[in-house]
Protein backbone atom coordinates (compact mmCIF):
# COMPACT_ATOMS: atom_id res chain seq x y z
CA MET A 1 41.47 10.12 -18.46
CA THR A 2 41.41 7.33 -20.97
CA ALA A 3 38.17 5.63 -20.89
CA ARG A 4 38.21 2.40 -19.05
CA GLU A 5 37.20 -0.61 -21.60
CA ARG A 6 35.12 -3.87 -21.11
CA TRP A 7 34.92 -6.96 -23.16
CA PHE A 8 31.72 -6.75 -25.69
CA GLY A 9 30.52 -10.87 -24.59
CA ALA A 10 32.61 -13.03 -26.09
CA THR A 11 33.35 -11.36 -29.07
CA GLY A 12 36.89 -10.58 -28.22
CA ARG A 13 36.21 -7.16 -28.53
CA ARG A 14 37.16 -4.29 -26.07
CA VAL A 15 34.61 -1.47 -25.63
CA PRO A 16 34.11 1.79 -23.52
CA GLU A 17 31.83 1.38 -20.56
CA ILE A 18 30.18 4.20 -21.45
CA VAL A 19 29.58 4.85 -26.01
CA LEU A 20 27.80 7.85 -27.22
CA ALA A 21 24.19 5.88 -28.61
CA GLY A 22 24.91 5.07 -32.28
CA THR A 23 28.35 5.26 -32.20
CA LEU A 24 29.21 1.65 -31.40
CA ASP A 25 27.60 -1.81 -33.31
CA THR A 26 25.53 -3.50 -31.12
CA THR A 27 24.59 -6.23 -33.26
CA GLY A 28 23.83 -9.48 -31.46
CA ALA A 29 23.44 -7.91 -28.12
CA LEU A 30 21.18 -8.04 -25.67
CA LEU A 31 20.62 -4.21 -25.80
CA LEU A 32 18.13 -3.28 -22.48
CA ASP A 33 16.45 0.74 -21.94
CA ALA A 34 16.84 0.11 -18.28
CA LEU A 35 18.44 -2.61 -15.73
CA PRO A 36 15.89 -5.49 -14.83
CA ALA A 37 14.18 -6.01 -11.33
CA ASP A 38 15.97 -9.59 -11.01
CA ALA A 39 19.61 -10.03 -12.63
CA ALA A 40 19.18 -13.15 -13.83
CA GLY A 41 18.54 -12.26 -17.17
CA LEU A 42 21.95 -10.11 -17.03
CA ARG A 43 24.08 -13.18 -15.59
CA ASP A 44 22.63 -15.83 -18.30
CA ALA A 45 23.44 -14.12 -21.36
CA HIS A 46 26.58 -13.40 -19.61
CA THR A 47 27.27 -16.78 -19.74
CA ARG A 48 26.36 -17.37 -23.47
CA GLY A 49 28.95 -15.08 -24.32
CA ILE A 50 26.01 -12.42 -25.41
CA PRO A 51 26.96 -8.57 -24.78
CA VAL A 52 24.97 -6.80 -22.02
CA VAL A 53 24.28 -3.42 -23.57
CA VAL A 54 22.60 -1.05 -21.67
CA ARG A 55 20.75 2.94 -22.49
CA ALA A 56 20.78 5.14 -19.66
CA SER A 57 20.22 8.99 -19.34
CA ASP A 58 21.68 10.46 -16.53
CA ALA A 59 24.92 9.58 -13.78
CA ALA A 60 22.80 7.34 -11.91
CA GLU A 61 21.64 4.66 -14.52
CA VAL A 62 25.37 4.74 -15.54
CA ARG A 63 26.87 3.77 -12.52
CA GLN A 64 23.97 1.18 -11.80
CA ALA A 65 24.41 -0.65 -14.85
CA LEU A 66 27.88 -0.57 -14.25
CA ALA A 67 27.94 -1.59 -11.20
CA HIS A 68 27.01 -5.27 -13.12
CA PRO A 69 30.18 -7.31 -14.10
CA GLU A 70 27.87 -8.66 -17.14
CA VAL A 71 27.02 -5.19 -18.59
CA SER A 72 29.77 -4.98 -21.55
CA CYS A 73 29.24 -1.17 -21.65
CA VAL A 74 26.00 1.83 -21.49
CA LEU A 75 25.03 3.71 -24.32
CA VAL A 76 24.09 7.51 -23.36
CA ARG A 77 22.61 10.07 -25.47
CA ASP A 78 23.79 12.87 -23.48
CA ALA A 79 27.86 13.22 -24.57
CA ALA A 80 28.46 14.91 -21.24
CA LEU A 81 27.66 11.47 -19.50
CA VAL A 82 31.22 9.68 -21.22
CA SER A 83 33.34 11.33 -19.75
CA LEU A 84 32.21 10.65 -16.51
CA ASP A 85 34.45 9.73 -13.14
CA LEU A 86 32.94 6.87 -11.95
CA ALA A 87 35.53 6.24 -9.34
CA GLU A 88 34.65 10.24 -8.04
CA LEU A 89 30.47 9.35 -8.66
CA THR A 90 31.12 5.72 -6.95
CA TYR A 91 33.79 6.63 -3.40
CA GLY A 92 33.17 9.83 -4.03
CA ALA A 93 36.22 13.28 -4.88
CA ALA A 94 38.70 12.16 -2.16
CA GLU A 95 38.91 8.69 -2.50
CA ALA A 96 38.76 8.07 -6.58
CA THR A 97 42.01 11.11 -6.12
CA SER A 98 43.79 8.80 -3.49
CA SER A 99 42.95 5.90 -5.41
CA ARG A 100 44.96 7.66 -8.88
CA ILE A 101 47.90 8.21 -7.00
CA ALA A 102 47.92 5.10 -5.35
CA GLY A 103 47.35 3.01 -8.90
């Protein structure tokens, strides 16, 4: 499976949506240890073209962060999380398989 990418703010760069911590230059990004309760800050950074990067420690946190279109990527320390199948995690195994076949 090819890593899905997202725009890194208004930098013109595309980056993998899940990245191993320490392997991506996050200079100039809004770097969050967790998602805020209020997404207004995410929207504001996104509107201003600032990349939003969120740290996550498990699959649920990765899925939660990537549910926000303002998030450019998620940093993880566990290499196994880089290869998460987000379609399966979000929709379940049967739905993920049918979407890969259809798409």
